[in-house]
Amino acid sequence: MSTIKLRLKRQNDKILVRALITHPMETGRRTDPESGQILPAHYITQLRLEHNGRIVADCQLSTAVSRDPYFAFRLKDAKPGDRVKLIWADNRGSSDSAEATIE
């Protein structure tokens, strides 16, 4: 099951790419209220958006991003049939990707 919900919406001559990622985004500074132990850091470090295999956004993230982050991008010059792919990787080596076709 993917951790990414990827939605594409046409807005005149542009495409709005919306992504919701399910991820805990722990900073490593918060404590567990039950045990009192510090929760280990677990956050997304890289987010990449590709349009037809070409990288159009390559973002370096840190602990400042909230839990279950939402991202939105606008693509120009996108046509029906084009492929959009979103990829993330975190500080623990996990990663995921989602792909959608512009209708």
N, C-alpha and C. Protein backbone atom coordinates (compact mmCIF):
# COMPACT_ATOMS: atom_id res chain seq x y z
N MET A 1 0.84 -1.18 0.00
CA MET A 1 0.00 0.00 0.00
C MET A 1 0.88 1.24 0.00
N SER A 2 0.60 2.16 -0.89
CA SER A 2 1.40 3.37 -1.00
C SER A 2 1.11 4.34 0.14
N THR A 3 2.12 5.09 0.52
CA THR A 3 1.97 6.11 1.54
C THR A 3 1.65 7.46 0.92
N ILE A 4 1.49 7.50 -0.41
CA ILE A 4 1.27 8.76 -1.13
C ILE A 4 -0.09 8.74 -1.80
N LYS A 5 -0.86 9.80 -1.58
CA LYS A 5 -2.08 10.03 -2.35
C LYS A 5 -1.74 11.15 -3.32
N LEU A 6 -1.75 10.84 -4.59
CA LEU A 6 -1.35 11.79 -5.64
C LEU A 6 -2.56 12.13 -6.49
N ARG A 7 -2.85 13.42 -6.61
CA ARG A 7 -4.00 13.89 -7.38
C ARG A 7 -3.54 14.96 -8.38
N LEU A 8 -4.09 14.87 -9.59
CA LEU A 8 -3.79 15.84 -10.64
C LEU A 8 -5.07 16.55 -11.03
N LYS A 9 -4.99 17.87 -11.20
CA LYS A 9 -6.18 18.63 -11.58
C LYS A 9 -5.80 19.69 -12.61
N ARG A 10 -6.54 19.73 -13.70
CA ARG A 10 -6.28 20.71 -14.75
C ARG A 10 -6.79 22.08 -14.30
N GLN A 11 -5.95 23.11 -14.48
CA GLN A 11 -6.31 24.49 -14.19
C GLN A 11 -5.87 25.34 -15.37
N ASN A 12 -6.79 25.54 -16.31
CA ASN A 12 -6.50 26.25 -17.56
C ASN A 12 -5.34 25.59 -18.28
N ASP A 13 -4.20 26.27 -18.42
CA ASP A 13 -3.06 25.70 -19.15
C ASP A 13 -2.04 25.04 -18.22
N LYS A 14 -2.38 24.89 -16.95
CA LYS A 14 -1.47 24.27 -15.98
C LYS A 14 -2.12 23.06 -15.34
N ILE A 15 -1.29 22.23 -14.71
CA ILE A 15 -1.76 21.07 -13.96
C ILE A 15 -1.37 21.26 -12.50
N LEU A 16 -2.34 21.15 -11.61
CA LEU A 16 -2.07 21.21 -10.18
C LEU A 16 -1.80 19.79 -9.69
N VAL A 17 -0.62 19.59 -9.13
CA VAL A 17 -0.23 18.30 -8.57
C VAL A 17 -0.33 18.42 -7.06
N ARG A 18 -1.17 17.58 -6.46
CA ARG A 18 -1.34 17.60 -5.01
C ARG A 18 -0.94 16.24 -4.46
N ALA A 19 -0.17 16.25 -3.36
CA ALA A 19 0.29 15.00 -2.76
C ALA A 19 0.14 15.06 -1.25
N LEU A 20 -0.42 14.00 -0.70
CA LEU A 20 -0.52 13.84 0.74
C LEU A 20 0.28 12.58 1.09
N ILE A 21 1.27 12.74 1.96
CA ILE A 21 2.16 11.63 2.32
C ILE A 21 1.90 11.24 3.77
N THR A 22 1.68 9.96 4.01
CA THR A 22 1.51 9.46 5.36
C THR A 22 2.89 9.14 5.92
N HIS A 23 3.33 9.93 6.90
CA HIS A 23 4.67 9.76 7.48
C HIS A 23 4.68 10.41 8.86
N PRO A 24 5.32 9.78 9.87
CA PRO A 24 5.30 10.34 11.23
C PRO A 24 6.09 11.63 11.42
N MET A 25 7.13 11.86 10.64
CA MET A 25 7.93 13.09 10.71
C MET A 25 8.34 13.44 12.15
N GLU A 26 9.00 12.51 12.81
CA GLU A 26 9.50 12.75 14.17
C GLU A 26 10.83 13.50 14.13
N THR A 27 10.96 14.50 14.99
CA THR A 27 12.16 15.35 15.00
C THR A 27 13.32 14.73 15.77
N GLY A 28 13.03 13.82 16.68
CA GLY A 28 14.08 13.27 17.54
C GLY A 28 14.22 14.07 18.82
N ARG A 29 13.34 15.02 19.04
CA ARG A 29 13.39 15.87 20.24
C ARG A 29 12.15 15.71 21.12
N ARG A 30 11.18 14.95 20.65
CA ARG A 30 9.94 14.77 21.39
C ARG A 30 10.03 13.51 22.26
N THR A 31 9.37 13.53 23.41
CA THR A 31 9.37 12.35 24.27
C THR A 31 8.02 11.64 24.21
N ASP A 32 8.08 10.35 24.41
CA ASP A 32 6.86 9.54 24.47
C ASP A 32 6.18 9.82 25.80
N PRO A 33 4.91 10.24 25.80
CA PRO A 33 4.25 10.59 27.06
C PRO A 33 4.11 9.41 28.03
N GLU A 34 4.05 8.19 27.51
CA GLU A 34 3.88 7.03 28.38
C GLU A 34 5.19 6.57 29.01
N SER A 35 6.25 6.47 28.20
CA SER A 35 7.52 5.94 28.70
C SER A 35 8.50 7.03 29.13
N GLY A 36 8.33 8.24 28.61
CA GLY A 36 9.28 9.31 28.90
C GLY A 36 10.54 9.25 28.07
N GLN A 37 10.65 8.25 27.20
CA GLN A 37 11.83 8.09 26.32
C GLN A 37 11.72 9.03 25.13
N ILE A 38 12.87 9.49 24.66
CA ILE A 38 12.90 10.34 23.46
C ILE A 38 12.58 9.48 22.25
N LEU A 39 11.66 9.96 21.42
CA LEU A 39 11.31 9.26 20.18
C LEU A 39 12.41 9.51 19.16
N PRO A 40 12.93 8.45 18.53
CA PRO A 40 14.02 8.63 17.56
C PRO A 40 13.57 9.43 16.33
N ALA A 41 14.51 10.15 15.75
CA ALA A 41 14.22 10.95 14.56
C ALA A 41 13.78 10.05 13.41
N HIS A 42 12.75 10.48 12.70
CA HIS A 42 12.22 9.74 11.55
C HIS A 42 11.48 10.76 10.68
N TYR A 43 12.15 11.25 9.65
CA TYR A 43 11.58 12.31 8.82
C TYR A 43 12.03 12.17 7.37
N ILE A 44 11.24 12.75 6.48
CA ILE A 44 11.55 12.73 5.04
C ILE A 44 12.70 13.70 4.78
N THR A 45 13.70 13.22 4.05
CA THR A 45 14.86 14.06 3.74
C THR A 45 14.87 14.54 2.28
N GLN A 46 14.22 13.76 1.40
CA GLN A 46 14.22 14.14 -0.01
C GLN A 46 12.85 13.91 -0.63
N LEU A 47 12.42 14.87 -1.42
CA LEU A 47 11.16 14.78 -2.16
C LEU A 47 11.46 15.19 -3.60
N ARG A 48 11.08 14.32 -4.55
CA ARG A 48 11.37 14.61 -5.96
C ARG A 48 10.10 14.47 -6.79
N LEU A 49 9.88 15.45 -7.68
CA LEU A 49 8.76 15.42 -8.61
C LEU A 49 9.32 15.30 -10.02
N GLU A 50 8.80 14.31 -10.76
CA GLU A 50 9.24 14.10 -12.13
C GLU A 50 8.05 14.25 -13.08
N HIS A 51 8.31 14.86 -14.23
CA HIS A 51 7.30 15.01 -15.28
C HIS A 51 7.87 14.34 -16.53
N ASN A 52 7.26 13.24 -16.94
CA ASN A 52 7.75 12.44 -18.07
C ASN A 52 9.22 12.06 -17.89
N GLY A 53 9.61 11.68 -16.67
CA GLY A 53 10.97 11.23 -16.39
C GLY A 53 11.98 12.35 -16.15
N ARG A 54 11.58 13.59 -16.33
CA ARG A 54 12.48 14.74 -16.12
C ARG A 54 12.21 15.32 -14.74
N ILE A 55 13.25 15.53 -13.96
CA ILE A 55 13.10 16.08 -12.62
C ILE A 55 12.73 17.56 -12.73
N VAL A 56 11.57 17.93 -12.14
CA VAL A 56 11.13 19.32 -12.16
C VAL A 56 11.20 19.96 -10.78
N ALA A 57 11.30 19.14 -9.72
CA ALA A 57 11.48 19.66 -8.37
C ALA A 57 12.25 18.61 -7.57
N ASP A 58 13.31 19.05 -6.90
CA ASP A 58 14.11 18.17 -6.06
C ASP A 58 14.31 18.90 -4.73
N CYS A 59 13.54 18.50 -3.72
CA CYS A 59 13.49 19.23 -2.45
C CYS A 59 14.24 18.47 -1.36
N GLN A 60 15.04 19.20 -0.60
CA GLN A 60 15.71 18.66 0.57
C GLN A 60 14.93 19.10 1.79
N LEU A 61 14.39 18.15 2.56
CA LEU A 61 13.54 18.45 3.71
C LEU A 61 14.27 18.15 5.02
N SER A 62 13.70 18.64 6.11
CA SER A 62 14.28 18.41 7.43
C SER A 62 13.16 18.16 8.44
N THR A 63 13.48 18.29 9.69
CA THR A 63 12.52 18.03 10.77
C THR A 63 11.45 19.11 10.87
N ALA A 64 11.57 20.19 10.14
CA ALA A 64 10.62 21.30 10.24
C ALA A 64 9.30 21.02 9.54
N VAL A 65 9.19 19.91 8.82
CA VAL A 65 7.96 19.57 8.11
C VAL A 65 7.05 18.77 9.02
N SER A 66 5.75 19.07 8.98
CA SER A 66 4.78 18.45 9.88
C SER A 66 4.49 16.99 9.53
N ARG A 67 3.85 16.31 10.47
CA ARG A 67 3.42 14.94 10.29
C ARG A 67 2.41 14.88 9.13
N ASP A 68 2.44 13.79 8.36
CA ASP A 68 1.57 13.59 7.20
C ASP A 68 1.54 14.83 6.30
N PRO A 69 2.69 15.20 5.74
CA PRO A 69 2.78 16.46 5.00
C PRO A 69 1.98 16.46 3.69
N TYR A 70 1.55 17.66 3.32
CA TYR A 70 0.84 17.92 2.08
C TYR A 70 1.72 18.83 1.22
N PHE A 71 1.86 18.48 -0.05
CA PHE A 71 2.64 19.29 -0.98
C PHE A 71 1.81 19.56 -2.22
N ALA A 72 2.01 20.72 -2.82
CA ALA A 72 1.31 21.05 -4.06
C ALA A 72 2.29 21.74 -5.01
N PHE A 73 2.19 21.39 -6.28
CA PHE A 73 3.04 21.95 -7.33
C PHE A 73 2.16 22.28 -8.53
N ARG A 74 2.58 23.26 -9.33
CA ARG A 74 1.90 23.56 -10.59
C ARG A 74 2.87 23.27 -11.73
N LEU A 75 2.38 22.52 -12.71
CA LEU A 75 3.18 22.20 -13.89
C LEU A 75 2.68 22.97 -15.08
N LYS A 76 3.59 23.62 -15.80
CA LYS A 76 3.25 24.27 -17.06
C LYS A 76 3.60 23.30 -18.18
N ASP A 77 3.02 23.53 -19.33
CA ASP A 77 3.32 22.73 -20.53
C ASP A 77 3.07 21.24 -20.34
N ALA A 78 2.08 20.90 -19.55
CA ALA A 78 1.71 19.50 -19.36
C ALA A 78 0.52 19.18 -20.25
N LYS A 79 0.56 17.99 -20.86
CA LYS A 79 -0.49 17.59 -21.79
C LYS A 79 -1.13 16.28 -21.33
N PRO A 80 -2.34 16.00 -21.81
CA PRO A 80 -2.95 14.71 -21.50
C PRO A 80 -2.04 13.57 -21.95
N GLY A 81 -1.93 12.56 -21.11
CA GLY A 81 -1.06 11.42 -21.41
C GLY A 81 0.31 11.52 -20.77
N ASP A 82 0.68 12.72 -20.31
CA ASP A 82 1.97 12.89 -19.63
C ASP A 82 1.95 12.16 -18.28
N ARG A 83 3.12 11.70 -17.85
CA ARG A 83 3.25 10.99 -16.58
C ARG A 83 3.88 11.91 -15.53
N VAL A 84 3.33 11.86 -14.32
CA VAL A 84 3.85 12.61 -13.18
C VAL A 84 4.19 11.60 -12.09
N LYS A 85 5.38 11.73 -11.52
CA LYS A 85 5.83 10.80 -10.48
C LYS A 85 6.37 11.57 -9.29
N LEU A 86 5.99 11.16 -8.08
CA LEU A 86 6.49 11.76 -6.85
C LEU A 86 7.22 10.67 -6.07
N ILE A 87 8.41 11.00 -5.58
CA ILE A 87 9.25 10.05 -4.85
C ILE A 87 9.73 10.71 -3.57
N TRP A 88 9.71 9.98 -2.45
CA TRP A 88 10.29 10.50 -1.22
C TRP A 88 11.23 9.45 -0.63
N ALA A 89 12.19 9.93 0.17
CA ALA A 89 13.10 9.07 0.92
C ALA A 89 13.28 9.69 2.30
N ASP A 90 13.45 8.84 3.33
CA ASP A 90 13.62 9.39 4.67
C ASP A 90 14.98 9.04 5.27
N ASN A 91 15.23 9.54 6.48
CA ASN A 91 16.53 9.38 7.13
C ASN A 91 16.79 7.95 7.60
N ARG A 92 15.81 7.07 7.54
CA ARG A 92 15.99 5.67 7.94
C ARG A 92 16.13 4.74 6.73
N GLY A 93 16.18 5.31 5.54
CA GLY A 93 16.37 4.51 4.33
C GLY A 93 15.08 4.03 3.67
N SER A 94 13.93 4.39 4.23
CA SER A 94 12.66 4.04 3.59
C SER A 94 12.37 5.01 2.46
N SER A 95 11.58 4.54 1.50
CA SER A 95 11.18 5.41 0.40
C SER A 95 9.87 4.89 -0.20
N ASP A 96 9.25 5.71 -1.00
CA ASP A 96 8.02 5.34 -1.69
C ASP A 96 7.87 6.25 -2.89
N SER A 97 7.03 5.83 -3.81
CA SER A 97 6.75 6.64 -4.99
C SER A 97 5.32 6.38 -5.45
N ALA A 98 4.78 7.34 -6.16
CA ALA A 98 3.46 7.22 -6.77
C ALA A 98 3.51 7.89 -8.13
N GLU A 99 2.77 7.33 -9.06
CA GLU A 99 2.77 7.85 -10.43
C GLU A 99 1.33 8.00 -10.90
N ALA A 100 1.08 9.03 -11.70
CA ALA A 100 -0.26 9.27 -12.25
C ALA A 100 -0.11 9.81 -13.67
N THR A 101 -1.16 9.60 -14.45
CA THR A 101 -1.21 10.09 -15.83
C THR A 101 -2.17 11.26 -15.91
N ILE A 102 -1.76 12.30 -16.62
CA ILE A 102 -2.61 13.47 -16.81
C ILE A 102 -3.71 13.11 -17.79
N GLU A 103 -4.94 13.39 -17.40
CA GLU A 103 -6.09 13.08 -18.27
C GLU A 103 -6.55 14.29 -19.03
